[in-house]
Amino acid sequence: MKNARNNELADRRSAAAEAKAALLNAYRTAKDTAEPTRLAKQAERQAIAAAREERRAARERVKLEELERAQAEQAERQAAAEAAARADADAREAADRDRIARVIADEAARKAERDLRYANRKARKS
């Protein structure tokens, strides 16, 4: 339609309609020829997304296992600390009981000596 000088309205309309139809046909053919590559790219993107999701799930599993392991170690340390504290408290209590028993025994021995001295003094006076 280069420099057509005798363009009637009907000619211009039909030329525009033909141009639109040509563009539409070109778009349809381009779309049809690109369909296999589009499907391949879409499948590739889906595979990449699935692999990404799998890696994310693996990271989450590792984090969860690490957290559980850390909690187990913390519980073990806490149990060991409680056992050590309990053993220390038992040892202190045993030492206190032993000291009290020695004090009572010493007191009984002093009382026995005092009673003996008192009895000896009474015996000498009588």
N, C-alpha and C. Protein backbone atom coordinates (compact mmCIF):
# COMPACT_ATOMS: atom_id res chain seq x y z
N MET A 1 0.82 -1.17 0.00
CA MET A 1 0.00 0.00 0.00
C MET A 1 0.86 1.24 0.00
N LYS A 2 1.97 1.17 -0.66
CA LYS A 2 2.87 2.31 -0.70
C LYS A 2 2.34 3.37 -1.65
N ASN A 3 2.19 4.51 -1.10
CA ASN A 3 1.84 5.70 -1.87
C ASN A 3 0.72 5.49 -2.87
N ALA A 4 -0.28 4.79 -2.42
CA ALA A 4 -1.43 4.63 -3.31
C ALA A 4 -2.22 5.92 -3.25
N ARG A 5 -2.41 6.54 -4.39
CA ARG A 5 -3.02 7.85 -4.40
C ARG A 5 -4.53 7.79 -4.54
N ASN A 6 -4.99 6.73 -5.08
CA ASN A 6 -6.42 6.66 -5.32
C ASN A 6 -7.06 5.75 -4.27
N ASN A 7 -6.94 6.12 -3.00
CA ASN A 7 -7.48 5.30 -1.92
C ASN A 7 -8.88 5.75 -1.61
N GLU A 8 -9.76 4.81 -1.77
CA GLU A 8 -11.14 5.07 -1.37
C GLU A 8 -11.29 4.60 0.06
N LEU A 9 -12.33 4.98 0.69
CA LEU A 9 -12.58 4.58 2.06
C LEU A 9 -12.69 3.06 2.16
N ALA A 10 -13.38 2.45 1.27
CA ALA A 10 -13.55 0.99 1.29
C ALA A 10 -12.21 0.31 1.10
N ASP A 11 -11.37 0.87 0.23
CA ASP A 11 -10.04 0.28 0.03
C ASP A 11 -9.20 0.38 1.31
N ARG A 12 -9.26 1.51 1.96
CA ARG A 12 -8.50 1.70 3.19
C ARG A 12 -9.01 0.77 4.30
N ARG A 13 -10.31 0.61 4.37
CA ARG A 13 -10.89 -0.28 5.37
C ARG A 13 -10.49 -1.72 5.13
N SER A 14 -10.58 -2.16 3.90
CA SER A 14 -10.21 -3.56 3.60
C SER A 14 -8.72 -3.77 3.82
N ALA A 15 -7.89 -2.76 3.50
CA ALA A 15 -6.45 -2.89 3.74
C ALA A 15 -6.17 -2.98 5.23
N ALA A 16 -6.87 -2.19 6.05
CA ALA A 16 -6.68 -2.24 7.50
C ALA A 16 -7.12 -3.58 8.04
N ALA A 17 -8.24 -4.10 7.55
CA ALA A 17 -8.73 -5.40 8.01
C ALA A 17 -7.75 -6.51 7.61
N GLU A 18 -7.21 -6.42 6.40
CA GLU A 18 -6.23 -7.42 5.96
C GLU A 18 -4.96 -7.34 6.81
N ALA A 19 -4.53 -6.14 7.15
CA ALA A 19 -3.34 -5.97 7.99
C ALA A 19 -3.57 -6.55 9.38
N LYS A 20 -4.78 -6.30 9.93
CA LYS A 20 -5.11 -6.87 11.25
C LYS A 20 -5.13 -8.38 11.19
N ALA A 21 -5.73 -8.92 10.13
CA ALA A 21 -5.79 -10.37 9.98
C ALA A 21 -4.39 -10.95 9.83
N ALA A 22 -3.52 -10.26 9.08
CA ALA A 22 -2.15 -10.73 8.90
C ALA A 22 -1.41 -10.72 10.23
N LEU A 23 -1.58 -9.66 11.01
CA LEU A 23 -0.94 -9.60 12.32
C LEU A 23 -1.46 -10.70 13.24
N LEU A 24 -2.77 -10.93 13.21
CA LEU A 24 -3.35 -11.98 14.04
C LEU A 24 -2.83 -13.35 13.63
N ASN A 25 -2.75 -13.59 12.32
CA ASN A 25 -2.22 -14.88 11.84
C ASN A 25 -0.75 -15.04 12.22
N ALA A 26 0.02 -13.97 12.11
CA ALA A 26 1.43 -14.03 12.49
C ALA A 26 1.57 -14.34 13.98
N TYR A 27 0.71 -13.71 14.81
CA TYR A 27 0.73 -13.96 16.26
C TYR A 27 0.39 -15.42 16.55
N ARG A 28 -0.65 -15.92 15.86
CA ARG A 28 -1.08 -17.31 16.09
C ARG A 28 0.01 -18.29 15.67
N THR A 29 0.65 -18.06 14.57
CA THR A 29 1.70 -18.99 14.14
C THR A 29 2.91 -18.91 15.07
N ALA A 30 3.24 -17.70 15.50
CA ALA A 30 4.36 -17.56 16.44
C ALA A 30 4.03 -18.26 17.76
N LYS A 31 2.79 -18.13 18.19
CA LYS A 31 2.37 -18.77 19.43
C LYS A 31 2.41 -20.29 19.28
N ASP A 32 1.93 -20.80 18.15
CA ASP A 32 1.93 -22.25 17.92
C ASP A 32 3.35 -22.80 17.81
N THR A 33 4.24 -22.07 17.18
CA THR A 33 5.62 -22.56 17.05
C THR A 33 6.37 -22.48 18.38
N ALA A 34 6.00 -21.52 19.24
CA ALA A 34 6.67 -21.36 20.53
C ALA A 34 6.06 -22.27 21.60
N GLU A 35 4.96 -22.93 21.31
CA GLU A 35 4.28 -23.77 22.31
C GLU A 35 5.19 -24.86 22.90
N PRO A 36 5.90 -25.65 22.11
CA PRO A 36 6.76 -26.68 22.72
C PRO A 36 7.85 -26.10 23.63
N THR A 37 8.47 -25.01 23.21
CA THR A 37 9.50 -24.41 24.07
C THR A 37 8.87 -23.81 25.31
N ARG A 38 7.67 -23.25 25.18
CA ARG A 38 6.99 -22.70 26.36
C ARG A 38 6.68 -23.81 27.35
N LEU A 39 6.20 -24.93 26.84
CA LEU A 39 5.90 -26.06 27.72
C LEU A 39 7.17 -26.60 28.36
N ALA A 40 8.25 -26.65 27.58
CA ALA A 40 9.52 -27.13 28.14
C ALA A 40 10.02 -26.19 29.23
N LYS A 41 9.94 -24.88 28.98
CA LYS A 41 10.38 -23.91 29.99
C LYS A 41 9.50 -23.99 31.23
N GLN A 42 8.20 -24.18 31.02
CA GLN A 42 7.29 -24.29 32.15
C GLN A 42 7.61 -25.54 32.98
N ALA A 43 7.87 -26.65 32.29
CA ALA A 43 8.23 -27.87 33.01
C ALA A 43 9.56 -27.68 33.76
N GLU A 44 10.50 -26.99 33.13
CA GLU A 44 11.79 -26.73 33.77
C GLU A 44 11.60 -25.87 35.02
N ARG A 45 10.76 -24.83 34.90
CA ARG A 45 10.49 -23.98 36.06
C ARG A 45 9.82 -24.77 37.19
N GLN A 46 8.91 -25.66 36.82
CA GLN A 46 8.25 -26.48 37.83
C GLN A 46 9.26 -27.41 38.51
N ALA A 47 10.17 -27.98 37.74
CA ALA A 47 11.19 -28.86 38.32
C ALA A 47 12.11 -28.07 39.25
N ILE A 48 12.47 -26.86 38.84
CA ILE A 48 13.33 -26.02 39.69
C ILE A 48 12.60 -25.66 40.98
N ALA A 49 11.31 -25.33 40.87
CA ALA A 49 10.52 -24.98 42.06
C ALA A 49 10.40 -26.19 42.99
N ALA A 50 10.19 -27.37 42.41
CA ALA A 50 10.08 -28.59 43.24
C ALA A 50 11.42 -28.86 43.95
N ALA A 51 12.53 -28.71 43.22
CA ALA A 51 13.84 -28.93 43.83
C ALA A 51 14.10 -27.91 44.93
N ARG A 52 13.71 -26.66 44.69
CA ARG A 52 13.88 -25.61 45.70
C ARG A 52 13.07 -25.95 46.95
N GLU A 53 11.84 -26.39 46.76
CA GLU A 53 10.98 -26.75 47.89
C GLU A 53 11.56 -27.94 48.65
N GLU A 54 12.12 -28.89 47.94
CA GLU A 54 12.74 -30.06 48.58
C GLU A 54 13.95 -29.63 49.40
N ARG A 55 14.76 -28.73 48.86
CA ARG A 55 15.92 -28.24 49.61
C ARG A 55 15.48 -27.48 50.86
N ARG A 56 14.42 -26.68 50.71
CA ARG A 56 13.90 -25.94 51.86
C ARG A 56 13.40 -26.90 52.94
N ALA A 57 12.70 -27.94 52.53
CA ALA A 57 12.20 -28.93 53.49
C ALA A 57 13.37 -29.65 54.17
N ALA A 58 14.42 -29.95 53.41
CA ALA A 58 15.60 -30.60 53.99
C ALA A 58 16.26 -29.68 55.01
N ARG A 59 16.37 -28.39 54.68
CA ARG A 59 16.95 -27.43 55.64
C ARG A 59 16.10 -27.37 56.91
N GLU A 60 14.79 -27.36 56.74
CA GLU A 60 13.90 -27.32 57.91
C GLU A 60 14.08 -28.58 58.76
N ARG A 61 14.20 -29.74 58.10
CA ARG A 61 14.41 -30.98 58.85
C ARG A 61 15.71 -30.92 59.62
N VAL A 62 16.78 -30.43 58.98
CA VAL A 62 18.08 -30.34 59.65
C VAL A 62 17.99 -29.38 60.84
N LYS A 63 17.32 -28.24 60.64
CA LYS A 63 17.17 -27.29 61.75
C LYS A 63 16.40 -27.92 62.90
N LEU A 64 15.33 -28.64 62.57
CA LEU A 64 14.52 -29.26 63.60
C LEU A 64 15.31 -30.33 64.35
N GLU A 65 16.07 -31.14 63.62
CA GLU A 65 16.91 -32.16 64.26
C GLU A 65 17.96 -31.51 65.16
N GLU A 66 18.57 -30.44 64.67
CA GLU A 66 19.58 -29.73 65.47
C GLU A 66 18.96 -29.15 66.73
N LEU A 67 17.77 -28.59 66.60
CA LEU A 67 17.07 -28.03 67.76
C LEU A 67 16.74 -29.13 68.76
N GLU A 68 16.24 -30.26 68.28
CA GLU A 68 15.92 -31.37 69.17
C GLU A 68 17.18 -31.88 69.86
N ARG A 69 18.28 -31.99 69.10
CA ARG A 69 19.54 -32.45 69.69
C ARG A 69 20.02 -31.47 70.76
N ALA A 70 19.92 -30.18 70.47
CA ALA A 70 20.35 -29.17 71.44
C ALA A 70 19.47 -29.23 72.69
N GLN A 71 18.17 -29.43 72.50
CA GLN A 71 17.28 -29.54 73.66
C GLN A 71 17.60 -30.78 74.48
N ALA A 72 17.92 -31.88 73.81
CA ALA A 72 18.28 -33.11 74.52
C ALA A 72 19.57 -32.91 75.31
N GLU A 73 20.56 -32.26 74.68
CA GLU A 73 21.81 -31.98 75.39
C GLU A 73 21.58 -31.07 76.59
N GLN A 74 20.73 -30.07 76.39
CA GLN A 74 20.41 -29.15 77.49
C GLN A 74 19.73 -29.90 78.62
N ALA A 75 18.81 -30.80 78.29
CA ALA A 75 18.13 -31.58 79.32
C ALA A 75 19.12 -32.48 80.05
N GLU A 76 20.06 -33.08 79.31
CA GLU A 76 21.08 -33.92 79.95
C GLU A 76 21.95 -33.09 80.89
N ARG A 77 22.37 -31.91 80.41
CA ARG A 77 23.20 -31.05 81.27
C ARG A 77 22.43 -30.63 82.52
N GLN A 78 21.17 -30.30 82.32
CA GLN A 78 20.36 -29.88 83.47
C GLN A 78 20.18 -31.03 84.46
N ALA A 79 19.94 -32.24 83.93
CA ALA A 79 19.79 -33.41 84.81
C ALA A 79 21.09 -33.68 85.55
N ALA A 80 22.23 -33.56 84.85
CA ALA A 80 23.52 -33.77 85.50
C ALA A 80 23.76 -32.71 86.58
N ALA A 81 23.40 -31.46 86.28
CA ALA A 81 23.58 -30.40 87.27
C ALA A 81 22.69 -30.64 88.48
N GLU A 82 21.44 -31.07 88.23
CA GLU A 82 20.54 -31.35 89.35
C GLU A 82 21.06 -32.52 90.18
N ALA A 83 21.59 -33.55 89.51
CA ALA A 83 22.14 -34.70 90.23
C ALA A 83 23.35 -34.27 91.06
N ALA A 84 24.20 -33.42 90.48
CA ALA A 84 25.37 -32.94 91.22
C ALA A 84 24.94 -32.10 92.42
N ALA A 85 23.94 -31.25 92.21
CA ALA A 85 23.45 -30.42 93.31
C ALA A 85 22.83 -31.29 94.40
N ARG A 86 22.08 -32.32 93.98
CA ARG A 86 21.47 -33.23 94.94
C ARG A 86 22.56 -33.99 95.73
N ALA A 87 23.59 -34.46 95.01
CA ALA A 87 24.68 -35.17 95.66
C ALA A 87 25.42 -34.25 96.63
N ASP A 88 25.63 -32.99 96.22
CA ASP A 88 26.30 -32.02 97.09
C ASP A 88 25.46 -31.76 98.34
N ALA A 89 24.16 -31.60 98.15
CA ALA A 89 23.27 -31.36 99.29
C ALA A 89 23.26 -32.57 100.21
N ASP A 90 23.24 -33.78 99.65
CA ASP A 90 23.28 -34.99 100.47
C ASP A 90 24.59 -35.08 101.25
N ALA A 91 25.69 -34.74 100.58
CA ALA A 91 26.99 -34.78 101.25
C ALA A 91 27.05 -33.76 102.39
N ARG A 92 26.52 -32.55 102.14
CA ARG A 92 26.49 -31.54 103.21
C ARG A 92 25.62 -32.00 104.37
N GLU A 93 24.48 -32.59 104.03
CA GLU A 93 23.58 -33.06 105.08
C GLU A 93 24.24 -34.19 105.88
N ALA A 94 24.94 -35.09 105.19
CA ALA A 94 25.64 -36.18 105.89
C ALA A 94 26.74 -35.61 106.77
N ALA A 95 27.47 -34.60 106.28
CA ALA A 95 28.53 -33.98 107.07
C ALA A 95 27.93 -33.29 108.30
N ASP A 96 26.78 -32.62 108.11
CA ASP A 96 26.12 -31.97 109.25
C ASP A 96 25.68 -33.01 110.28
N ARG A 97 25.10 -34.13 109.80
CA ARG A 97 24.67 -35.19 110.72
C ARG A 97 25.88 -35.77 111.47
N ASP A 98 26.97 -35.94 110.73
CA ASP A 98 28.19 -36.48 111.36
C ASP A 98 28.73 -35.51 112.41
N ARG A 99 28.75 -34.24 112.07
CA ARG A 99 29.23 -33.23 113.02
C ARG A 99 28.33 -33.19 114.25
N ILE A 100 27.01 -33.25 114.03
CA ILE A 100 26.07 -33.24 115.16
C ILE A 100 26.27 -34.48 116.03
N ALA A 101 26.49 -35.62 115.36
CA ALA A 101 26.71 -36.86 116.12
C ALA A 101 28.00 -36.75 116.95
N ARG A 102 29.05 -36.17 116.36
CA ARG A 102 30.31 -36.00 117.11
C ARG A 102 30.13 -35.05 118.28
N VAL A 103 29.37 -33.97 118.05
CA VAL A 103 29.13 -33.01 119.13
C VAL A 103 28.36 -33.69 120.25
N ILE A 104 27.36 -34.46 119.89
CA ILE A 104 26.56 -35.16 120.92
C ILE A 104 27.43 -36.18 121.65
N ALA A 105 28.28 -36.90 120.91
CA ALA A 105 29.16 -37.89 121.54
C ALA A 105 30.16 -37.19 122.45
N ASP A 106 30.74 -36.06 122.01
CA ASP A 106 31.68 -35.30 122.84
C ASP A 106 30.98 -34.78 124.10
N GLU A 107 29.77 -34.30 123.92
CA GLU A 107 29.00 -33.79 125.06
C GLU A 107 28.71 -34.92 126.05
N ALA A 108 28.36 -36.10 125.50
CA ALA A 108 28.10 -37.24 126.38
C ALA A 108 29.38 -37.66 127.10
N ALA A 109 30.52 -37.62 126.38
CA ALA A 109 31.79 -37.99 127.03
C ALA A 109 32.15 -36.98 128.12
N ARG A 110 31.97 -35.71 127.86
CA ARG A 110 32.24 -34.67 128.88
C ARG A 110 31.32 -34.84 130.09
N LYS A 111 30.06 -35.15 129.82
CA LYS A 111 29.11 -35.36 130.91
C LYS A 111 29.52 -36.57 131.74
N ALA A 112 29.96 -37.64 131.03
CA ALA A 112 30.40 -38.84 131.75
C ALA A 112 31.63 -38.51 132.60
N GLU A 113 32.59 -37.75 132.06
CA GLU A 113 33.76 -37.36 132.84
C GLU A 113 33.37 -36.50 134.03
N ARG A 114 32.46 -35.56 133.82
CA ARG A 114 32.01 -34.69 134.90
C ARG A 114 31.32 -35.52 135.98
N ASP A 115 30.44 -36.44 135.53
CA ASP A 115 29.75 -37.29 136.51
C ASP A 115 30.76 -38.14 137.29
N LEU A 116 31.80 -38.62 136.58
CA LEU A 116 32.84 -39.43 137.25
C LEU A 116 33.59 -38.59 138.27
N ARG A 117 33.96 -37.38 137.90
CA ARG A 117 34.64 -36.48 138.84
C ARG A 117 33.74 -36.19 140.04
N TYR A 118 32.48 -35.94 139.76
CA TYR A 118 31.53 -35.66 140.84
C TYR A 118 31.41 -36.87 141.76
N ALA A 119 31.33 -38.07 141.17
CA ALA A 119 31.21 -39.29 141.98
C ALA A 119 32.49 -39.51 142.79
N ASN A 120 33.64 -39.25 142.19
CA ASN A 120 34.91 -39.40 142.90
C ASN A 120 35.00 -38.40 144.08
N ARG A 121 34.58 -37.19 143.82
CA ARG A 121 34.60 -36.18 144.89
C ARG A 121 33.67 -36.59 146.03
N LYS A 122 32.48 -37.10 145.67
CA LYS A 122 31.54 -37.56 146.69
C LYS A 122 32.12 -38.73 147.48
N ALA A 123 32.83 -39.61 146.74
CA ALA A 123 33.40 -40.78 147.40
C ALA A 123 34.51 -40.35 148.36
N ARG A 124 35.30 -39.36 147.99
CA ARG A 124 36.38 -38.89 148.86
C ARG A 124 35.82 -38.22 150.10
N LYS A 125 34.73 -37.50 149.96
CA LYS A 125 34.17 -36.80 151.09
C LYS A 125 33.45 -37.73 152.05
N SER A 126 33.00 -38.82 151.55
CA SER A 126 32.27 -39.66 152.46
C SER A 126 33.11 -40.71 153.11
